Each structure stands twice: as C-alpha cells, then as structure tokens.
PDB file of N, CA and C in Angstrom:
ATOM      1  N   MET A   1      71.824  13.491 139.056  1.00  0.00           N
ATOM      2  CA  MET A   1      71.772  12.271 139.840  1.00  0.00           C
ATOM      3  C   MET A   1      71.150  12.582 141.201  1.00  0.00           C
ATOM      4  N   PRO A   2      70.104  11.877 141.589  1.00  0.00           N
ATOM      5  CA  PRO A   2      69.508  12.109 142.904  1.00  0.00           C
ATOM      6  C   PRO A   2      70.493  11.745 144.017  1.00  0.00           C
ATOM      7  N   SER A   3      70.440  12.522 145.081  1.00  0.00           N
ATOM      8  CA  SER A   3      71.333  12.284 146.210  1.00  0.00           C
ATOM      9  C   SER A   3      70.646  11.403 147.246  1.00  0.00           C
ATOM     10  N   THR A   4      71.423  10.585 147.921  1.00  0.00           N
ATOM     11  CA  THR A   4      70.862   9.755 148.983  1.00  0.00           C
ATOM     12  C   THR A   4      70.851  10.496 150.314  1.00  0.00           C
ATOM     13  N   ILE A   5      71.521  11.665 150.398  1.00  0.00           N
ATOM     14  CA  ILE A   5      71.520  12.407 151.662  1.00  0.00           C
ATOM     15  C   ILE A   5      70.897  13.795 151.561  1.00  0.00           C
ATOM     16  N   ILE A   6      70.810  14.357 150.368  1.00  0.00           N
ATOM     17  CA  ILE A   6      70.288  15.716 150.202  1.00  0.00           C
ATOM     18  C   ILE A   6      68.985  15.681 149.417  1.00  0.00           C
ATOM     19  N   ARG A   7      67.923  16.180 150.048  1.00  0.00           N
ATOM     20  CA  ARG A   7      66.620  16.225 149.379  1.00  0.00           C
ATOM     21  C   ARG A   7      66.536  17.426 148.447  1.00  0.00           C
ATOM     22  N   ARG A   8      66.950  18.600 148.967  1.00  0.00           N
ATOM     23  CA  ARG A   8      66.967  19.813 148.130  1.00  0.00           C
ATOM     24  C   ARG A   8      67.815  20.878 148.816  1.00  0.00           C
ATOM     25  N   PHE A   9      68.106  21.926 148.066  1.00  0.00           N
ATOM     26  CA  PHE A   9      68.888  23.032 148.612  1.00  0.00           C
ATOM     27  C   PHE A   9      68.533  24.308 147.868  1.00  0.00           C
ATOM     28  N   ASP A  10      68.866  25.420 148.505  1.00  0.00           N
ATOM     29  CA  ASP A  10      68.605  26.726 147.914  1.00  0.00           C
ATOM     30  C   ASP A  10      69.752  27.646 148.319  1.00  0.00           C
ATOM     31  N   TYR A  11      70.172  28.490 147.411  1.00  0.00           N
ATOM     32  CA  TYR A  11      71.233  29.446 147.719  1.00  0.00           C
ATOM     33  C   TYR A  11      70.668  30.849 147.670  1.00  0.00           C
ATOM     34  N   ARG A  12      70.914  31.610 148.726  1.00  0.00           N
ATOM     35  CA  ARG A  12      70.486  33.004 148.815  1.00  0.00           C
ATOM     36  C   ARG A  12      71.713  33.883 148.596  1.00  0.00           C
ATOM     37  N   GLU A  13      71.882  34.321 147.373  1.00  0.00           N
ATOM     38  CA  GLU A  13      73.094  35.057 147.017  1.00  0.00           C
ATOM     39  C   GLU A  13      73.240  36.359 147.799  1.00  0.00           C
ATOM     40  N   GLU A  14      72.123  37.062 148.042  1.00  0.00           N
ATOM     41  CA  GLU A  14      72.199  38.347 148.734  1.00  0.00           C
ATOM     42  C   GLU A  14      72.723  38.218 150.169  1.00  0.00           C
ATOM     43  N   THR A  15      72.511  37.063 150.810  1.00  0.00           N
ATOM     44  CA  THR A  15      73.003  36.856 152.180  1.00  0.00           C
ATOM     45  C   THR A  15      74.107  35.800 152.245  1.00  0.00           C
ATOM     46  N   ARG A  16      74.451  35.213 151.088  1.00  0.00           N
ATOM     47  CA  ARG A  16      75.483  34.172 151.004  1.00  0.00           C
ATOM     48  C   ARG A  16      75.164  32.978 151.900  1.00  0.00           C
ATOM     49  N   GLU A  17      73.877  32.583 151.910  1.00  0.00           N
ATOM     50  CA  GLU A  17      73.424  31.450 152.717  1.00  0.00           C
ATOM     51  C   GLU A  17      73.016  30.294 151.811  1.00  0.00           C
ATOM     52  N   LEU A  18      73.463  29.121 152.178  1.00  0.00           N
ATOM     53  CA  LEU A  18      73.083  27.894 151.488  1.00  0.00           C
ATOM     54  C   LEU A  18      72.195  27.111 152.443  1.00  0.00           C
ATOM     55  N   VAL A  19      70.942  26.894 152.057  1.00  0.00           N
ATOM     56  CA  VAL A  19      69.991  26.162 152.882  1.00  0.00           C
ATOM     57  C   VAL A  19      69.896  24.752 152.318  1.00  0.00           C
ATOM     58  N   VAL A  20      70.170  23.768 153.165  1.00  0.00           N
ATOM     59  CA  VAL A  20      70.192  22.378 152.718  1.00  0.00           C
ATOM     60  C   VAL A  20      69.187  21.578 153.526  1.00  0.00           C
ATOM     61  N   LEU A  21      68.288  20.891 152.829  1.00  0.00           N
ATOM     62  CA  LEU A  21      67.343  19.970 153.450  1.00  0.00           C
ATOM     63  C   LEU A  21      67.840  18.562 153.183  1.00  0.00           C
ATOM     64  N   PHE A  22      68.112  17.840 154.237  1.00  0.00           N
ATOM     65  CA  PHE A  22      68.612  16.473 154.108  1.00  0.00           C
ATOM     66  C   PHE A  22      67.454  15.484 154.049  1.00  0.00           C
ATOM     67  N   THR A  23      67.724  14.302 153.587  1.00  0.00           N
ATOM     68  CA  THR A  23      66.684  13.280 153.471  1.00  0.00           C
ATOM     69  C   THR A  23      66.145  12.870 154.839  1.00  0.00           C
ATOM     70  N   THR A  24      66.872  13.187 155.892  1.00  0.00           N
ATOM     71  CA  THR A  24      66.413  12.911 157.258  1.00  0.00           C
ATOM     72  C   THR A  24      65.322  13.877 157.690  1.00  0.00           C
ATOM     73  N   GLY A  25      65.137  14.966 156.910  1.00  0.00           N
ATOM     74  CA  GLY A  25      64.172  15.997 157.261  1.00  0.00           C
ATOM     75  C   GLY A  25      64.801  17.168 157.996  1.00  0.00           C
ATOM     76  N   ARG A  26      66.058  17.051 158.355  1.00  0.00           N
ATOM     77  CA  ARG A  26      66.750  18.138 159.040  1.00  0.00           C
ATOM     78  C   ARG A  26      67.214  19.170 158.021  1.00  0.00           C
ATOM     79  N   ARG A  27      67.104  20.435 158.427  1.00  0.00           N
ATOM     80  CA  ARG A  27      67.431  21.551 157.536  1.00  0.00           C
ATOM     81  C   ARG A  27      68.495  22.415 158.201  1.00  0.00           C
ATOM     82  N   TYR A  28      69.522  22.750 157.438  1.00  0.00           N
ATOM     83  CA  TYR A  28      70.623  23.560 157.951  1.00  0.00           C
ATOM     84  C   TYR A  28      70.868  24.750 157.040  1.00  0.00           C
ATOM     85  N   VAL A  29      71.313  25.836 157.645  1.00  0.00           N
ATOM     86  CA  VAL A  29      71.716  27.023 156.897  1.00  0.00           C
ATOM     87  C   VAL A  29      73.225  27.154 157.053  1.00  0.00           C
ATOM     88  N   TYR A  30      73.921  27.158 155.935  1.00  0.00           N
ATOM     89  CA  TYR A  30      75.369  27.355 155.895  1.00  0.00           C
ATOM     90  C   TYR A  30      75.600  28.797 155.482  1.00  0.00           C
ATOM     91  N   ARG A  31      76.357  29.523 156.291  1.00  0.00           N
ATOM     92  CA  ARG A  31      76.554  30.955 156.080  1.00  0.00           C
ATOM     93  C   ARG A  31      77.929  31.252 155.464  1.00  0.00           C
ATOM     94  N   GLU A  32      78.016  32.434 154.869  1.00  0.00           N
ATOM     95  CA  GLU A  32      79.270  32.905 154.270  1.00  0.00           C
ATOM     96  C   GLU A  32      79.745  32.009 153.118  1.00  0.00           C
ATOM     97  N   VAL A  33      78.795  31.409 152.417  1.00  0.00           N
ATOM     98  CA  VAL A  33      79.129  30.546 151.277  1.00  0.00           C
ATOM     99  C   VAL A  33      79.256  31.420 150.037  1.00  0.00           C
ATOM    100  N   PRO A  34      80.434  31.462 149.424  1.00  0.00           N
ATOM    101  CA  PRO A  34      80.608  32.292 148.228  1.00  0.00           C
ATOM    102  C   PRO A  34      79.776  31.764 147.053  1.00  0.00           C
ATOM    103  N   PRO A  35      79.377  32.664 146.172  1.00  0.00           N
ATOM    104  CA  PRO A  35      78.570  32.255 145.012  1.00  0.00           C
ATOM    105  C   PRO A  35      79.228  31.147 144.188  1.00  0.00           C
ATOM    106  N   GLU A  36      80.552  31.192 144.042  1.00  0.00           N
ATOM    107  CA  GLU A  36      81.204  30.158 143.225  1.00  0.00           C
ATOM    108  C   GLU A  36      81.145  28.783 143.902  1.00  0.00           C
ATOM    109  N   ALA A  37      81.131  28.751 145.224  1.00  0.00           N
ATOM    110  CA  ALA A  37      81.003  27.469 145.938  1.00  0.00           C
ATOM    111  C   ALA A  37      79.596  26.922 145.770  1.00  0.00           C
ATOM    112  N   ALA A  38      78.601  27.808 145.810  1.00  0.00           N
ATOM    113  CA  ALA A  38      77.219  27.386 145.604  1.00  0.00           C
ATOM    114  C   ALA A  38      77.012  26.895 144.176  1.00  0.00           C
ATOM    115  N   ALA A  39      77.611  27.579 143.213  1.00  0.00           N
ATOM    116  CA  ALA A  39      77.489  27.168 141.810  1.00  0.00           C
ATOM    117  C   ALA A  39      78.147  25.808 141.584  1.00  0.00           C
ATOM    118  N   ALA A  40      79.291  25.585 142.194  1.00  0.00           N
ATOM    119  CA  ALA A  40      79.966  24.289 142.060  1.00  0.00           C
ATOM    120  C   ALA A  40      79.108  23.179 142.660  1.00  0.00           C
ATOM    121  N   PHE A  41      78.473  23.458 143.787  1.00  0.00           N
ATOM    122  CA  PHE A  41      77.572  22.483 144.421  1.00  0.00           C
ATOM    123  C   PHE A  41      76.390  22.197 143.507  1.00  0.00           C
ATOM    124  N   ARG A  42      75.793  23.255 142.975  1.00  0.00           N
ATOM    125  CA  ARG A  42      74.639  23.101 142.079  1.00  0.00           C
ATOM    126  C   ARG A  42      74.999  22.260 140.853  1.00  0.00           C
ATOM    127  N   ASN A  43      76.211  22.429 140.337  1.00  0.00           N
ATOM    128  CA  ASN A  43      76.629  21.738 139.121  1.00  0.00           C
ATOM    129  C   ASN A  43      77.253  20.366 139.371  1.00  0.00           C
ATOM    130  N   ALA A  44      77.469  20.020 140.616  1.00  0.00           N
ATOM    131  CA  ALA A  44      78.108  18.738 140.934  1.00  0.00           C
ATOM    132  C   ALA A  44      77.220  17.568 140.540  1.00  0.00           C
ATOM    133  N   PHE A  45      77.832  16.549 139.976  1.00  0.00           N
ATOM    134  CA  PHE A  45      77.085  15.350 139.596  1.00  0.00           C
ATOM    135  C   PHE A  45      76.616  14.597 140.839  1.00  0.00           C
ATOM    136  N   ALA A  46      77.501  14.400 141.797  1.00  0.00           N
ATOM    137  CA  ALA A  46      77.184  13.694 143.044  1.00  0.00           C
ATOM    138  C   ALA A  46      77.079  14.736 144.151  1.00  0.00           C
ATOM    139  N   LYS A  47      75.865  15.214 144.414  1.00  0.00           N
ATOM    140  CA  LYS A  47      75.649  16.296 145.373  1.00  0.00           C
ATOM    141  C   LYS A  47      76.144  15.933 146.775  1.00  0.00           C
ATOM    142  N   GLY A  48      75.822  14.751 147.247  1.00  0.00           N
ATOM    143  CA  GLY A  48      76.233  14.347 148.588  1.00  0.00           C
ATOM    144  C   GLY A  48      77.739  14.279 148.735  1.00  0.00           C
ATOM    145  N   ARG A  49      78.395  13.729 147.767  1.00  0.00           N
ATOM    146  CA  ARG A  49      79.863  13.637 147.796  1.00  0.00           C
ATOM    147  C   ARG A  49      80.486  15.029 147.768  1.00  0.00           C
ATOM    148  N   HIS A  50      79.968  15.878 146.905  1.00  0.00           N
ATOM    149  CA  HIS A  50      80.477  17.243 146.817  1.00  0.00           C
ATOM    150  C   HIS A  50      80.240  17.982 148.134  1.00  0.00           C
ATOM    151  N   PHE A  51      79.049  17.854 148.684  1.00  0.00           N
ATOM    152  CA  PHE A  51      78.734  18.514 149.950  1.00  0.00           C
ATOM    153  C   PHE A  51      79.713  18.086 151.046  1.00  0.00           C
ATOM    154  N   ASN A  52      79.926  16.806 151.179  1.00  0.00           N
ATOM    155  CA  ASN A  52      80.816  16.300 152.221  1.00  0.00           C
ATOM    156  C   ASN A  52      82.261  16.753 152.024  1.00  0.00           C
ATOM    157  N   ALA A  53      82.698  16.861 150.795  1.00  0.00           N
ATOM    158  CA  ALA A  53      84.086  17.231 150.516  1.00  0.00           C
ATOM    159  C   ALA A  53      84.324  18.733 150.504  1.00  0.00           C
ATOM    160  N   ARG A  54      83.322  19.526 150.100  1.00  0.00           N
ATOM    161  CA  ARG A  54      83.565  20.949 149.840  1.00  0.00           C
ATOM    162  C   ARG A  54      82.769  21.932 150.701  1.00  0.00           C
ATOM    163  N   ILE A  55      81.757  21.456 151.408  1.00  0.00           N
ATOM    164  CA  ILE A  55      80.924  22.385 152.177  1.00  0.00           C
ATOM    165  C   ILE A  55      80.902  22.031 153.667  1.00  0.00           C
ATOM    166  N   ARG A  56      80.589  20.801 153.981  1.00  0.00           N
ATOM    167  CA  ARG A  56      80.535  20.385 155.390  1.00  0.00           C
ATOM    168  C   ARG A  56      81.871  20.668 156.069  1.00  0.00           C
ATOM    169  N   GLY A  57      81.793  21.343 157.210  1.00  0.00           N
ATOM    170  CA  GLY A  57      82.991  21.646 157.976  1.00  0.00           C
ATOM    171  C   GLY A  57      83.780  22.858 157.505  1.00  0.00           C
ATOM    172  N   ARG A  58      83.358  23.490 156.417  1.00  0.00           N
ATOM    173  CA  ARG A  58      84.103  24.643 155.890  1.00  0.00           C
ATOM    174  C   ARG A  58      83.403  25.975 156.138  1.00  0.00           C
ATOM    175  N   TYR A  59      82.115  25.940 156.417  1.00  0.00           N
ATOM    176  CA  TYR A  59      81.343  27.166 156.603  1.00  0.00           C
ATOM    177  C   TYR A  59      80.560  27.083 157.906  1.00  0.00           C
ATOM    178  N   PRO A  60      80.358  28.238 158.564  1.00  0.00           N
ATOM    179  CA  PRO A  60      79.537  28.223 159.778  1.00  0.00           C
ATOM    180  C   PRO A  60      78.113  27.813 159.412  1.00  0.00           C
ATOM    181  N   TYR A  61      77.463  27.119 160.321  1.00  0.00           N
ATOM    182  CA  TYR A  61      76.110  26.630 160.029  1.00  0.00           C
ATOM    183  C   TYR A  61      75.291  26.575 161.302  1.00  0.00           C
ATOM    184  N   GLU A  62      73.983  26.447 161.098  1.00  0.00           N
ATOM    185  CA  GLU A  62      73.070  26.203 162.204  1.00  0.00           C
ATOM    186  C   GLU A  62      71.868  25.433 161.674  1.00  0.00           C
ATOM    187  N   GLU A  63      71.283  24.662 162.549  1.00  0.00           N
ATOM    188  CA  GLU A  63      70.086  23.918 162.163  1.00  0.00           C
ATOM    189  C   GLU A  63      68.882  24.842 162.272  1.00  0.00           C
ATOM    190  N   CYS A  64      67.986  24.757 161.297  1.00  0.00           N
ATOM    191  CA  CYS A  64      66.766  25.555 161.311  1.00  0.00           C
ATOM    192  C   CYS A  64      65.750  24.878 162.219  1.00  0.00           C
ATOM    193  N   GLU A  65      65.019  25.695 162.930  1.00  0.00           N
ATOM    194  CA  GLU A  65      63.994  25.169 163.836  1.00  0.00           C
ATOM    195  C   GLU A  65      62.687  24.858 163.110  1.00  0.00           C
ATOM    196  N   SER A  66      62.402  25.618 162.044  1.00  0.00           N
ATOM    197  CA  SER A  66      61.137  25.422 161.337  1.00  0.00           C
ATOM    198  C   SER A  66      61.309  25.721 159.858  1.00  0.00           C
ATOM    199  N   ASP A  67      60.281  25.367 159.090  1.00  0.00           N
ATOM    200  CA  ASP A  67      60.292  25.650 157.656  1.00  0.00           C
ATOM    201  C   ASP A  67      60.336  27.150 157.372  1.00  0.00           C
ATOM    202  N   GLU A  68      59.792  27.961 158.279  1.00  0.00           N
ATOM    203  CA  GLU A  68      59.737  29.403 158.067  1.00  0.00           C
ATOM    204  C   GLU A  68      61.131  30.006 157.963  1.00  0.00           C
ATOM    205  N   GLU A  69      62.103  29.455 158.689  1.00  0.00           N
ATOM    206  CA  GLU A  69      63.452  29.999 158.649  1.00  0.00           C
ATOM    207  C   GLU A  69      64.140  29.739 157.327  1.00  0.00           C
ATOM    208  N   ALA A  70      63.701  28.741 156.607  1.00  0.00           N
ATOM    209  CA  ALA A  70      64.369  28.379 155.358  1.00  0.00           C
ATOM    210  C   ALA A  70      63.567  28.796 154.148  1.00  0.00           C
ATOM    211  N   ALA A  71      62.452  29.462 154.360  1.00  0.00           N
ATOM    212  CA  ALA A  71      61.599  29.852 153.233  1.00  0.00           C
ATOM    213  C   ALA A  71      62.150  31.049 152.509  1.00  0.00           C
TER     214      ALA A  71
END
C-alpha cells in the first residue's frame, strides 16, 4: 500500500541506520535501529502508521542536508 507520508526508505544494516524520505522531500536518518525493527517496517501494510507508532520518537535521528548523505 503506498504511503501518504513516506516516499521511500532504505535500511543500512551494517550501521543500523534507517533513511526515510518523506513525501515533503525531507530526508531523515534514524540511528540505532535494530534489524528486526527495520524488517517490521518493511513488512508493514501501512508504512506511515507503522512509522508513527514504532519508529518516530524511539530512535535518535537527524535531518540530512543533501542527497549525498543518504546515498
């Protein structure tokens, strides 16, 4: 199901970083995300709902300044 708030995301298992691009164009890196949390997000039917309930506010994050930081 397409999300109304999340355009795409990528999980970097080696650094435990979840990179999320929102439909607003803003990109954030969530750090210290365990692989099982990333897998649950990937498998969630409603990505936006899952993100808001299980990721937002639970992991340290920062906004990326450019596309290069999230590549």
